[in-house]
Amino acid sequence: MLKYAADSLVYRVLGIKQGTMLGEALNFFLYDTMKVFLLLTVIIFVVAIIRSFFPPERARKLLRHRREYVGNFLAACLGIVTPFCSCSAIPLFIGFVEAGLPLGVTFSFLIASPTVNEVALVMLWGLFGWRIALLYTATGVILAFFGGIIIGKLKLEHLVEDYIYQIKIGECEASVPTWKERFSYARAYTKDILKRVWLFVLIGIGIGAWIHGYVPMDLVLRYAGPGNPFAVIVAVLVGIPLYSNAAGAIPIVQALVEKGLPMGTALAFMMSIVAISTPELIILRKVIKPKLIAIFVGIVSVSIIIIGYLFNMIL
């Protein structure tokens, strides 16, 4: 239905000839815009309902006193449904440290939260199928699990800012919201998130449409195709300084894959954009020292590169 609407508008209403670069680019833009915003609206609303069952205090209680490896795994899983964003990074970090969680467990959460983005998960499902979506989720959880374990084994607690250990957060029992309150929260949250991401989505779709319509396939394959053994490394290094969210990055990934970019290289590019963004690193600097930030970035970057090569081998 959406594809028919895009085709009708571009080729019939606007009269653009089918098969031309402009027609292909504009069709991609209109179709993906309708599809992505429909997916986003439904996904964000459902995720908001799920998230209402996992307030920060419940996450702290669930992880407290867990054994190291169990704690790392649970923290990675919680990171999927409790996204790491600029408004929650500092209080969650402080709350986890104050609750006595090991630093490695805390970082398993911090790695999983942006990497296994729930919006990216469902959009990947819709665009590439459930196998790619589940593989993306599994590798993200594995990355967060082992990344947190490595940071925990390095004993880097001294690289957390001293004031964090001096903060004491009191226990509070949050009231259980009614279903009416959950739906009200979900509507408000969906509206707020769409306001925050709509521009990034349109920019991402616009770039994807340009790649789809105007970038020659042989150019993509020459520099980032399977013939270049360093393609994954280059993709990650290019993605790290970029700032976007998953909703904006996925249309670009879709266009690159359609041009022949290997799935592992494309997903490594997306994960590097989402997992290691400049604003999140700036926020983290408020609670941890530069050396720990560098270690965090290094571990995540190397892990994403490994995952990219593994994806290319098995897909």
C-alpha atoms as a PDB file:
ATOM      1  CA  MET A   1       0.000   0.000   0.000  1.00  0.00           C
ATOM      2  CA  LEU A   2       2.762   2.454   0.947  1.00  0.00           C
ATOM      3  CA  LYS A   3       4.816   1.389  -2.085  1.00  0.00           C
ATOM      4  CA  TYR A   4       1.798   1.919  -4.347  1.00  0.00           C
ATOM      5  CA  ALA A   5       1.252   5.386  -2.857  1.00  0.00           C
ATOM      6  CA  ALA A   6       4.905   6.355  -3.431  1.00  0.00           C
ATOM      7  CA  ASP A   7       4.884   4.987  -6.990  1.00  0.00           C
ATOM      8  CA  SER A   8       1.650   6.808  -7.828  1.00  0.00           C
ATOM      9  CA  LEU A   9       2.863  10.123  -6.449  1.00  0.00           C
ATOM     10  CA  VAL A  10       6.278  10.042  -8.166  1.00  0.00           C
ATOM     11  CA  TYR A  11       5.488   8.421 -11.505  1.00  0.00           C
ATOM     12  CA  ARG A  12       1.874   9.458 -12.083  1.00  0.00           C
ATOM     13  CA  VAL A  13       1.189  12.680 -10.201  1.00  0.00           C
ATOM     14  CA  LEU A  14       4.652  14.229 -10.658  1.00  0.00           C
ATOM     15  CA  GLY A  15       5.165  12.568 -14.025  1.00  0.00           C
ATOM     16  CA  ILE A  16       8.773  11.553 -13.407  1.00  0.00           C
ATOM     17  CA  LYS A  17       9.942   8.767 -15.678  1.00  0.00           C
ATOM     18  CA  GLN A  18      10.418   5.414 -13.967  1.00  0.00           C
ATOM     19  CA  GLY A  19      14.019   4.188 -13.918  1.00  0.00           C
ATOM     20  CA  THR A  20      15.616   7.634 -13.871  1.00  0.00           C
ATOM     21  CA  MET A  21      17.997   8.598 -11.066  1.00  0.00           C
ATOM     22  CA  LEU A  22      15.665  11.351  -9.835  1.00  0.00           C
ATOM     23  CA  GLY A  23      12.665   9.031  -9.933  1.00  0.00           C
ATOM     24  CA  GLU A  24      14.458   6.261  -8.042  1.00  0.00           C
ATOM     25  CA  ALA A  25      15.788   8.677  -5.410  1.00  0.00           C
ATOM     26  CA  LEU A  26      12.470  10.455  -4.865  1.00  0.00           C
ATOM     27  CA  ASN A  27      10.546   7.171  -4.752  1.00  0.00           C
ATOM     28  CA  PHE A  28      12.966   5.812  -2.147  1.00  0.00           C
ATOM     29  CA  PHE A  29      12.597   8.996  -0.077  1.00  0.00           C
ATOM     30  CA  LEU A  30       8.788   9.050  -0.089  1.00  0.00           C
ATOM     31  CA  TYR A  31       8.339   5.325   0.480  1.00  0.00           C
ATOM     32  CA  ASP A  32      10.890   5.142   3.288  1.00  0.00           C
ATOM     33  CA  THR A  33       9.578   8.294   4.947  1.00  0.00           C
ATOM     34  CA  MET A  34       6.067   6.853   5.176  1.00  0.00           C
ATOM     35  CA  LYS A  35       7.303   3.416   6.226  1.00  0.00           C
ATOM     36  CA  VAL A  36       9.833   4.631   8.812  1.00  0.00           C
ATOM     37  CA  PHE A  37       7.492   7.082  10.518  1.00  0.00           C
ATOM     38  CA  LEU A  38       4.731   4.472  10.659  1.00  0.00           C
ATOM     39  CA  LEU A  39       7.146   1.971  12.192  1.00  0.00           C
ATOM     40  CA  LEU A  40       8.510   4.562  14.607  1.00  0.00           C
ATOM     41  CA  THR A  41       5.095   5.587  15.870  1.00  0.00           C
ATOM     42  CA  VAL A  42       3.988   2.013  16.560  1.00  0.00           C
ATOM     43  CA  ILE A  43       7.357   0.881  17.916  1.00  0.00           C
ATOM     44  CA  ILE A  44       7.942   3.788  20.268  1.00  0.00           C
ATOM     45  CA  PHE A  45       4.423   3.514  21.698  1.00  0.00           C
ATOM     46  CA  VAL A  46       4.777  -0.232  22.380  1.00  0.00           C
ATOM     47  CA  VAL A  47       8.281   0.179  23.812  1.00  0.00           C
ATOM     48  CA  ALA A  48       7.053   2.968  26.094  1.00  0.00           C
ATOM     49  CA  ILE A  49       4.402   0.613  27.504  1.00  0.00           C
ATOM     50  CA  ILE A  50       7.076  -2.048  28.107  1.00  0.00           C
ATOM     51  CA  ARG A  51       9.427   0.493  29.637  1.00  0.00           C
ATOM     52  CA  SER A  52       6.790   1.549  32.153  1.00  0.00           C
ATOM     53  CA  PHE A  53       7.367  -1.820  33.835  1.00  0.00           C
ATOM     54  CA  PHE A  54      11.119  -1.184  34.205  1.00  0.00           C
ATOM     55  CA  PRO A  55      11.744   2.055  36.109  1.00  0.00           C
ATOM     56  CA  PRO A  56      15.378   2.769  37.121  1.00  0.00           C
ATOM     57  CA  GLU A  57      14.768   1.721  40.731  1.00  0.00           C
ATOM     58  CA  ARG A  58      13.569  -1.708  39.627  1.00  0.00           C
ATOM     59  CA  ALA A  59      16.638  -2.099  37.415  1.00  0.00           C
ATOM     60  CA  ARG A  60      18.905  -1.269  40.338  1.00  0.00           C
ATOM     61  CA  LYS A  61      17.168  -3.776  42.588  1.00  0.00           C
ATOM     62  CA  LEU A  62      17.282  -6.492  39.945  1.00  0.00           C
ATOM     63  CA  LEU A  63      21.025  -6.104  39.407  1.00  0.00           C
ATOM     64  CA  ARG A  64      22.068  -5.549  43.013  1.00  0.00           C
ATOM     65  CA  HIS A  65      23.974  -8.408  44.673  1.00  0.00           C
ATOM     66  CA  ARG A  66      24.023 -10.441  41.473  1.00  0.00           C
ATOM     67  CA  ARG A  67      27.116 -12.483  40.731  1.00  0.00           C
ATOM     68  CA  GLU A  68      29.471 -10.875  38.234  1.00  0.00           C
ATOM     69  CA  TYR A  69      28.681 -12.817  35.067  1.00  0.00           C
ATOM     70  CA  VAL A  70      24.955 -13.083  35.785  1.00  0.00           C
ATOM     71  CA  GLY A  71      24.944  -9.362  36.527  1.00  0.00           C
ATOM     72  CA  ASN A  72      26.687  -8.583  33.229  1.00  0.00           C
ATOM     73  CA  PHE A  73      24.154 -10.595  31.260  1.00  0.00           C
ATOM     74  CA  LEU A  74      21.126  -9.117  33.048  1.00  0.00           C
ATOM     75  CA  ALA A  75      22.552  -5.608  32.674  1.00  0.00           C
ATOM     76  CA  ALA A  76      23.029  -6.143  28.943  1.00  0.00           C
ATOM     77  CA  CYS A  77      19.443  -7.378  28.593  1.00  0.00           C
ATOM     78  CA  LEU A  78      18.093  -4.474  30.656  1.00  0.00           C
ATOM     79  CA  GLY A  79      19.982  -2.092  28.405  1.00  0.00           C
ATOM     80  CA  ILE A  80      17.689  -3.081  25.536  1.00  0.00           C
ATOM     81  CA  VAL A  81      14.479  -2.006  27.292  1.00  0.00           C
ATOM     82  CA  THR A  82      16.026   0.849  29.288  1.00  0.00           C
ATOM     83  CA  PRO A  83      17.749   2.984  26.657  1.00  0.00           C
ATOM     84  CA  PHE A  84      20.804   5.057  27.514  1.00  0.00           C
ATOM     85  CA  CYS A  85      20.204   8.689  26.620  1.00  0.00           C
ATOM     86  CA  SER A  86      21.496  12.086  27.628  1.00  0.00           C
ATOM     87  CA  CYS A  87      18.713  12.682  30.155  1.00  0.00           C
ATOM     88  CA  SER A  88      19.273   9.408  32.034  1.00  0.00           C
ATOM     89  CA  ALA A  89      23.001   8.655  31.732  1.00  0.00           C
ATOM     90  CA  ILE A  90      24.256  10.449  34.833  1.00  0.00           C
ATOM     91  CA  PRO A  91      21.474   9.502  37.302  1.00  0.00           C
ATOM     92  CA  LEU A  92      21.522   5.870  36.160  1.00  0.00           C
ATOM     93  CA  PHE A  93      25.302   5.665  36.432  1.00  0.00           C
ATOM     94  CA  ILE A  94      25.230   7.267  39.890  1.00  0.00           C
ATOM     95  CA  GLY A  95      22.367   5.010  40.953  1.00  0.00           C
ATOM     96  CA  PHE A  96      24.134   1.846  39.810  1.00  0.00           C
ATOM     97  CA  VAL A  97      27.418   2.797  41.496  1.00  0.00           C
ATOM     98  CA  GLU A  98      25.649   3.830  44.704  1.00  0.00           C
ATOM     99  CA  ALA A  99      23.739   0.541  44.702  1.00  0.00           C
ATOM    100  CA  GLY A 100      27.053  -1.295  44.831  1.00  0.00           C
ATOM    101  CA  LEU A 101      27.011  -2.665  41.300  1.00  0.00           C
ATOM    102  CA  PRO A 102      30.459  -3.623  39.981  1.00  0.00           C
ATOM    103  CA  LEU A 103      31.820  -1.216  37.397  1.00  0.00           C
ATOM    104  CA  GLY A 104      31.887  -3.962  34.766  1.00  0.00           C
ATOM    105  CA  VAL A 105      28.170  -4.673  35.251  1.00  0.00           C
ATOM    106  CA  THR A 106      27.396  -0.973  34.939  1.00  0.00           C
ATOM    107  CA  PHE A 107      29.314  -0.797  31.669  1.00  0.00           C
ATOM    108  CA  SER A 108      27.529  -3.843  30.285  1.00  0.00           C
ATOM    109  CA  PHE A 109      24.379  -1.765  30.670  1.00  0.00           C
ATOM    110  CA  LEU A 110      25.968   1.354  29.168  1.00  0.00           C
ATOM    111  CA  ILE A 111      27.253  -0.569  26.149  1.00  0.00           C
ATOM    112  CA  ALA A 112      23.992  -2.415  25.480  1.00  0.00           C
ATOM    113  CA  SER A 113      21.710   0.601  25.869  1.00  0.00           C
ATOM    114  CA  PRO A 114      22.775   2.510  22.753  1.00  0.00           C
ATOM    115  CA  THR A 115      24.069  -0.491  20.803  1.00  0.00           C
ATOM    116  CA  VAL A 116      20.929  -2.653  20.974  1.00  0.00           C
ATOM    117  CA  ASN A 117      18.498   0.146  20.330  1.00  0.00           C
ATOM    118  CA  GLU A 118      14.910  -1.092  20.418  1.00  0.00           C
ATOM    119  CA  VAL A 119      13.891   1.203  17.576  1.00  0.00           C
ATOM    120  CA  ALA A 120      16.763  -0.118  15.453  1.00  0.00           C
ATOM    121  CA  LEU A 121      15.798  -3.681  16.334  1.00  0.00           C
ATOM    122  CA  VAL A 122      12.236  -3.456  15.073  1.00  0.00           C
ATOM    123  CA  MET A 123      13.131  -1.319  12.070  1.00  0.00           C
ATOM    124  CA  LEU A 124      15.801  -3.823  11.071  1.00  0.00           C
ATOM    125  CA  TRP A 125      13.150  -6.513  11.418  1.00  0.00           C
ATOM    126  CA  GLY A 126      10.838  -4.605   9.103  1.00  0.00           C
ATOM    127  CA  LEU A 127      13.509  -3.764   6.519  1.00  0.00           C
ATOM    128  CA  PHE A 128      15.763  -6.834   6.516  1.00  0.00           C
ATOM    129  CA  GLY A 129      13.822  -9.604   8.240  1.00  0.00           C
ATOM    130  CA  TRP A 130      13.759 -11.227  11.662  1.00  0.00           C
ATOM    131  CA  ARG A 131      17.035 -13.150  11.215  1.00  0.00           C
ATOM    132  CA  ILE A 132      19.073  -9.964  10.776  1.00  0.00           C
ATOM    133  CA  ALA A 133      17.229  -8.287  13.653  1.00  0.00           C
ATOM    134  CA  LEU A 134      17.820 -11.190  16.049  1.00  0.00           C
ATOM    135  CA  LEU A 135      21.431 -11.563  14.961  1.00  0.00           C
ATOM    136  CA  TYR A 136      21.934  -7.852  15.583  1.00  0.00           C
ATOM    137  CA  THR A 137      20.407  -8.195  19.064  1.00  0.00           C
ATOM    138  CA  ALA A 138      22.444 -11.270  19.975  1.00  0.00           C
ATOM    139  CA  THR A 139      25.738  -9.734  18.884  1.00  0.00           C
ATOM    140  CA  GLY A 140      24.933  -6.505  20.719  1.00  0.00           C
ATOM    141  CA  VAL A 141      24.244  -8.381  23.947  1.00  0.00           C
ATOM    142  CA  ILE A 142      27.443 -10.421  23.520  1.00  0.00           C
ATOM    143  CA  LEU A 143      29.408  -7.219  22.910  1.00  0.00           C
ATOM    144  CA  ALA A 144      27.962  -5.640  26.067  1.00  0.00           C
ATOM    145  CA  PHE A 145      28.508  -8.823  28.110  1.00  0.00           C
ATOM    146  CA  PHE A 146      32.175  -9.280  27.284  1.00  0.00           C
ATOM    147  CA  GLY A 147      32.901  -5.537  27.158  1.00  0.00           C
ATOM    148  CA  GLY A 148      31.619  -5.176  30.706  1.00  0.00           C
ATOM    149  CA  ILE A 149      33.590  -8.218  31.863  1.00  0.00           C
ATOM    150  CA  ILE A 150      36.814  -6.822  30.388  1.00  0.00           C
ATOM    151  CA  ILE A 151      36.291  -3.441  32.058  1.00  0.00           C
ATOM    152  CA  GLY A 152      35.480  -5.218  35.328  1.00  0.00           C
ATOM    153  CA  LYS A 153      38.646  -7.332  35.176  1.00  0.00           C
ATOM    154  CA  LEU A 154      40.807  -4.246  34.582  1.00  0.00           C
ATOM    155  CA  LYS A 155      39.796  -2.834  38.007  1.00  0.00           C
ATOM    156  CA  LEU A 156      39.221   0.719  36.797  1.00  0.00           C
ATOM    157  CA  GLU A 157      37.121   2.022  39.681  1.00  0.00           C
ATOM    158  CA  HIS A 158      39.735   4.734  40.316  1.00  0.00           C
ATOM    159  CA  LEU A 159      38.844   6.236  36.935  1.00  0.00           C
ATOM    160  CA  VAL A 160      35.336   7.104  38.098  1.00  0.00           C
ATOM    161  CA  GLU A 161      35.044  10.685  39.325  1.00  0.00           C
ATOM    162  CA  ASP A 162      35.449  10.791  43.108  1.00  0.00           C
ATOM    163  CA  TYR A 163      32.223  12.675  43.774  1.00  0.00           C
ATOM    164  CA  ILE A 164      30.192   9.750  42.393  1.00  0.00           C
ATOM    165  CA  TYR A 165      31.175   7.544  45.323  1.00  0.00           C
ATOM    166  CA  GLN A 166      30.204  10.278  47.783  1.00  0.00           C
ATOM    167  CA  ILE A 167      26.633  10.557  46.520  1.00  0.00           C
ATOM    168  CA  LYS A 168      24.016   8.613  48.392  1.00  0.00           C
ATOM    169  CA  ILE A 169      20.679   8.095  46.724  1.00  0.00           C
ATOM    170  CA  GLY A 170      17.835   7.142  48.986  1.00  0.00           C
ATOM    171  CA  GLU A 171      15.538   4.220  48.342  1.00  0.00           C
ATOM    172  CA  CYS A 172      12.120   5.082  47.015  1.00  0.00           C
ATOM    173  CA  GLU A 173       9.189   2.862  46.289  1.00  0.00           C
ATOM    174  CA  ALA A 174       7.531   4.021  43.105  1.00  0.00           C
ATOM    175  CA  SER A 175       3.797   3.510  42.869  1.00  0.00           C
ATOM    176  CA  VAL A 176       2.581   1.043  40.269  1.00  0.00           C
ATOM    177  CA  PRO A 177       0.962   2.991  37.411  1.00  0.00           C
ATOM    178  CA  THR A 178      -2.465   2.071  36.121  1.00  0.00           C
ATOM    179  CA  TRP A 179      -2.981   1.055  32.499  1.00  0.00           C
ATOM    180  CA  LYS A 180      -4.536   4.442  31.837  1.00  0.00           C
ATOM    181  CA  GLU A 181      -1.383   6.103  33.153  1.00  0.00           C
ATOM    182  CA  ARG A 182       0.812   3.761  31.095  1.00  0.00           C
ATOM    183  CA  PHE A 183      -1.054   4.645  27.869  1.00  0.00           C
ATOM    184  CA  SER A 184      -0.965   8.341  28.731  1.00  0.00           C
ATOM    185  CA  TYR A 185       2.794   8.092  29.307  1.00  0.00           C
ATOM    186  CA  ALA A 186       3.256   6.151  26.045  1.00  0.00           C
ATOM    187  CA  ARG A 187       1.384   8.766  24.020  1.00  0.00           C
ATOM    188  CA  ALA A 188       3.383  11.620  25.529  1.00  0.00           C
ATOM    189  CA  TYR A 189       6.656   9.718  25.140  1.00  0.00           C
ATOM    190  CA  THR A 190       5.935   8.850  21.496  1.00  0.00           C
ATOM    191  CA  LYS A 191       5.141  12.470  20.712  1.00  0.00           C
ATOM    192  CA  ASP A 192       8.295  13.663  22.473  1.00  0.00           C
ATOM    193  CA  ILE A 193      10.592  11.163  20.729  1.00  0.00           C
ATOM    194  CA  LEU A 194       9.140  11.914  17.293  1.00  0.00           C
ATOM    195  CA  LYS A 195       9.776  15.612  17.907  1.00  0.00           C
ATOM    196  CA  ARG A 196      13.381  14.801  18.788  1.00  0.00           C
ATOM    197  CA  VAL A 197      14.186  12.455  15.915  1.00  0.00           C
ATOM    198  CA  TRP A 198      12.096  13.576  12.927  1.00  0.00           C
ATOM    199  CA  LEU A 199      14.838  15.775  11.492  1.00  0.00           C
ATOM    200  CA  PHE A 200      17.485  13.046  11.860  1.00  0.00           C
ATOM    201  CA  VAL A 201      15.117  10.580  10.198  1.00  0.00           C
ATOM    202  CA  LEU A 202      14.520  12.860   7.220  1.00  0.00           C
ATOM    203  CA  ILE A 203      18.238  13.580   6.885  1.00  0.00           C
ATOM    204  CA  GLY A 204      19.032   9.865   7.049  1.00  0.00           C
ATOM    205  CA  ILE A 205      16.359   9.011   4.493  1.00  0.00           C
ATOM    206  CA  GLY A 206      17.534  11.863   2.280  1.00  0.00           C
ATOM    207  CA  ILE A 207      21.118  10.578   2.334  1.00  0.00           C
ATOM    208  CA  GLY A 208      19.847   7.056   1.717  1.00  0.00           C
ATOM    209  CA  ALA A 209      17.748   8.280  -1.213  1.00  0.00           C
ATOM    210  CA  TRP A 210      20.750  10.074  -2.720  1.00  0.00           C
ATOM    211  CA  ILE A 211      22.879   6.945  -2.365  1.00  0.00           C
ATOM    212  CA  HIS A 212      20.080   4.817  -3.828  1.00  0.00           C
ATOM    213  CA  GLY A 213      19.505   7.054  -6.840  1.00  0.00           C
ATOM    214  CA  TYR A 214      22.841   8.654  -7.646  1.00  0.00           C
ATOM    215  CA  VAL A 215      25.784   6.708  -6.168  1.00  0.00           C
ATOM    216  CA  PRO A 216      27.080   4.120  -8.658  1.00  0.00           C
ATOM    217  CA  MET A 217      27.121   0.557  -7.386  1.00  0.00           C
ATOM    218  CA  ASP A 218      30.704  -0.019  -8.531  1.00  0.00           C
ATOM    219  CA  LEU A 219      31.871   2.952  -6.457  1.00  0.00           C
ATOM    220  CA  VAL A 220      30.413   1.468  -3.261  1.00  0.00           C
ATOM    221  CA  LEU A 221      31.818  -1.977  -4.018  1.00  0.00           C
ATOM    222  CA  ARG A 222      35.243  -0.577  -4.879  1.00  0.00           C
ATOM    223  CA  TYR A 223      35.827   1.058  -1.509  1.00  0.00           C
ATOM    224  CA  ALA A 224      33.591  -0.894   0.877  1.00  0.00           C
ATOM    225  CA  GLY A 225      32.725  -4.108  -0.912  1.00  0.00           C
ATOM    226  CA  PRO A 226      33.877  -7.629  -0.117  1.00  0.00           C
ATOM    227  CA  GLY A 227      37.031  -7.085  -2.180  1.00  0.00           C
ATOM    228  CA  ASN A 228      38.409  -4.611   0.362  1.00  0.00           C
ATOM    229  CA  PRO A 229      39.703  -6.474   3.468  1.00  0.00           C
ATOM    230  CA  PHE A 230      39.739  -3.220   5.472  1.00  0.00           C
ATOM    231  CA  ALA A 231      36.167  -2.214   4.611  1.00  0.00           C
ATOM    232  CA  VAL A 232      34.747  -2.935   8.083  1.00  0.00           C
ATOM    233  CA  ILE A 233      37.525  -0.981   9.809  1.00  0.00           C
ATOM    234  CA  VAL A 234      36.996   1.968   7.483  1.00  0.00           C
ATOM    235  CA  ALA A 235      33.222   1.842   8.044  1.00  0.00           C
ATOM    236  CA  VAL A 236      33.642   1.936  11.829  1.00  0.00           C
ATOM    237  CA  LEU A 237      36.212   4.754  11.728  1.00  0.00           C
ATOM    238  CA  VAL A 238      33.901   6.769   9.482  1.00  0.00           C
ATOM    239  CA  GLY A 239      30.862   6.058  11.663  1.00  0.00           C
ATOM    240  CA  ILE A 240      32.341   6.956  15.072  1.00  0.00           C
ATOM    241  CA  PRO A 241      32.535  10.760  14.587  1.00  0.00           C
ATOM    242  CA  LEU A 242      29.110  10.928  12.945  1.00  0.00           C
ATOM    243  CA  TYR A 243      26.156  11.866  15.126  1.00  0.00           C
ATOM    244  CA  SER A 244      22.792  10.329  14.432  1.00  0.00           C
ATOM    245  CA  ASN A 245      20.360   7.919  16.008  1.00  0.00           C
ATOM    246  CA  ALA A 246      19.347   4.486  14.797  1.00  0.00           C
ATOM    247  CA  ALA A 247      16.235   5.800  13.085  1.00  0.00           C
ATOM    248  CA  GLY A 248      18.367   8.127  10.985  1.00  0.00           C
ATOM    249  CA  ALA A 249      21.158   5.630  10.319  1.00  0.00           C
ATOM    250  CA  ILE A 250      19.067   2.658   9.180  1.00  0.00           C
ATOM    251  CA  PRO A 251      17.819   4.234   5.905  1.00  0.00           C
ATOM    252  CA  ILE A 252      21.456   4.894   4.999  1.00  0.00           C
ATOM    253  CA  VAL A 253      22.330   1.280   5.802  1.00  0.00           C
ATOM    254  CA  GLN A 254      19.406   0.091   3.695  1.00  0.00           C
ATOM    255  CA  ALA A 255      20.576   2.105   0.694  1.00  0.00           C
ATOM    256  CA  LEU A 256      24.182   0.903   1.098  1.00  0.00           C
ATOM    257  CA  VAL A 257      23.081  -2.735   1.287  1.00  0.00           C
ATOM    258  CA  GLU A 258      20.974  -2.287  -1.834  1.00  0.00           C
ATOM    259  CA  LYS A 259      24.094  -0.973  -3.570  1.00  0.00           C
ATOM    260  CA  GLY A 260      25.958  -4.159  -2.677  1.00  0.00           C
ATOM    261  CA  LEU A 261      27.617  -3.292   0.628  1.00  0.00           C
ATOM    262  CA  PRO A 262      28.049  -6.484   2.713  1.00  0.00           C
ATOM    263  CA  MET A 263      25.589  -6.677   5.610  1.00  0.00           C
ATOM    264  CA  GLY A 264      28.358  -6.986   8.224  1.00  0.00           C
ATOM    265  CA  THR A 265      30.085  -3.833   6.982  1.00  0.00           C
ATOM    266  CA  ALA A 266      26.783  -1.936   6.874  1.00  0.00           C
ATOM    267  CA  LEU A 267      25.742  -3.000  10.392  1.00  0.00           C
ATOM    268  CA  ALA A 268      29.216  -2.221  11.780  1.00  0.00           C
ATOM    269  CA  PHE A 269      28.834   1.257  10.311  1.00  0.00           C
ATOM    270  CA  MET A 270      25.428   1.659  11.951  1.00  0.00           C
ATOM    271  CA  MET A 271      26.532   0.281  15.318  1.00  0.00           C
ATOM    272  CA  SER A 272      29.533   2.632  15.421  1.00  0.00           C
ATOM    273  CA  ILE A 273      27.243   5.620  14.826  1.00  0.00           C
ATOM    274  CA  VAL A 274      24.727   4.554  17.469  1.00  0.00           C
ATOM    275  CA  ALA A 275      27.017   3.093  20.154  1.00  0.00           C
ATOM    276  CA  ILE A 276      29.744   5.737  20.224  1.00  0.00           C
ATOM    277  CA  SER A 277      28.208   9.159  19.716  1.00  0.00           C
ATOM    278  CA  THR A 278      29.925  12.387  20.692  1.00  0.00           C
ATOM    279  CA  PRO A 279      27.079  13.731  22.893  1.00  0.00           C
ATOM    280  CA  GLU A 280      27.022  10.524  24.952  1.00  0.00           C
ATOM    281  CA  LEU A 281      30.795  10.685  25.460  1.00  0.00           C
ATOM    282  CA  ILE A 282      30.488  14.302  26.598  1.00  0.00           C
ATOM    283  CA  ILE A 283      27.872  13.261  29.134  1.00  0.00           C
ATOM    284  CA  LEU A 284      29.958  10.319  30.321  1.00  0.00           C
ATOM    285  CA  ARG A 285      32.857  12.701  30.928  1.00  0.00           C
ATOM    286  CA  LYS A 286      30.831  14.137  33.800  1.00  0.00           C
ATOM    287  CA  VAL A 287      31.053  10.849  35.676  1.00  0.00           C
ATOM    288  CA  ILE A 288      34.206   9.073  34.438  1.00  0.00           C
ATOM    289  CA  LYS A 289      37.729  10.196  33.593  1.00  0.00           C
ATOM    290  CA  PRO A 290      39.137  10.507  30.048  1.00  0.00           C
ATOM    291  CA  LYS A 291      41.247   7.354  30.317  1.00  0.00           C
ATOM    292  CA  LEU A 292      38.186   5.218  31.057  1.00  0.00           C
ATOM    293  CA  ILE A 293      36.285   6.872  28.199  1.00  0.00           C
ATOM    294  CA  ALA A 294      39.178   5.991  25.869  1.00  0.00           C
ATOM    295  CA  ILE A 295      39.148   2.376  27.099  1.00  0.00           C
ATOM    296  CA  PHE A 296      35.384   2.223  26.659  1.00  0.00           C
ATOM    297  CA  VAL A 297      35.591   3.559  23.078  1.00  0.00           C
ATOM    298  CA  GLY A 298      38.480   1.224  22.249  1.00  0.00           C
ATOM    299  CA  ILE A 299      36.757  -1.912  23.523  1.00  0.00           C
ATOM    300  CA  VAL A 300      33.471  -1.089  21.781  1.00  0.00           C
ATOM    301  CA  SER A 301      35.193  -0.142  18.508  1.00  0.00           C
ATOM    302  CA  VAL A 302      37.278  -3.311  18.351  1.00  0.00           C
ATOM    303  CA  SER A 303      34.249  -5.422  19.259  1.00  0.00           C
ATOM    304  CA  ILE A 304      32.127  -3.828  16.518  1.00  0.00           C
ATOM    305  CA  ILE A 305      34.884  -4.458  13.966  1.00  0.00           C
ATOM    306  CA  ILE A 306      35.052  -8.125  14.978  1.00  0.00           C
ATOM    307  CA  ILE A 307      31.267  -8.406  14.781  1.00  0.00           C
ATOM    308  CA  GLY A 308      31.298  -6.800  11.319  1.00  0.00           C
ATOM    309  CA  TYR A 309      33.752  -9.348   9.986  1.00  0.00           C
ATOM    310  CA  LEU A 310      31.809 -12.217  11.574  1.00  0.00           C
ATOM    311  CA  PHE A 311      28.578 -10.958   9.983  1.00  0.00           C
ATOM    312  CA  ASN A 312      30.274 -10.843   6.599  1.00  0.00           C
ATOM    313  CA  MET A 313      31.482 -14.414   7.024  1.00  0.00           C
ATOM    314  CA  ILE A 314      28.122 -15.928   7.975  1.00  0.00           C
ATOM    315  CA  LEU A 315      25.651 -13.791   5.966  1.00  0.00           C
END
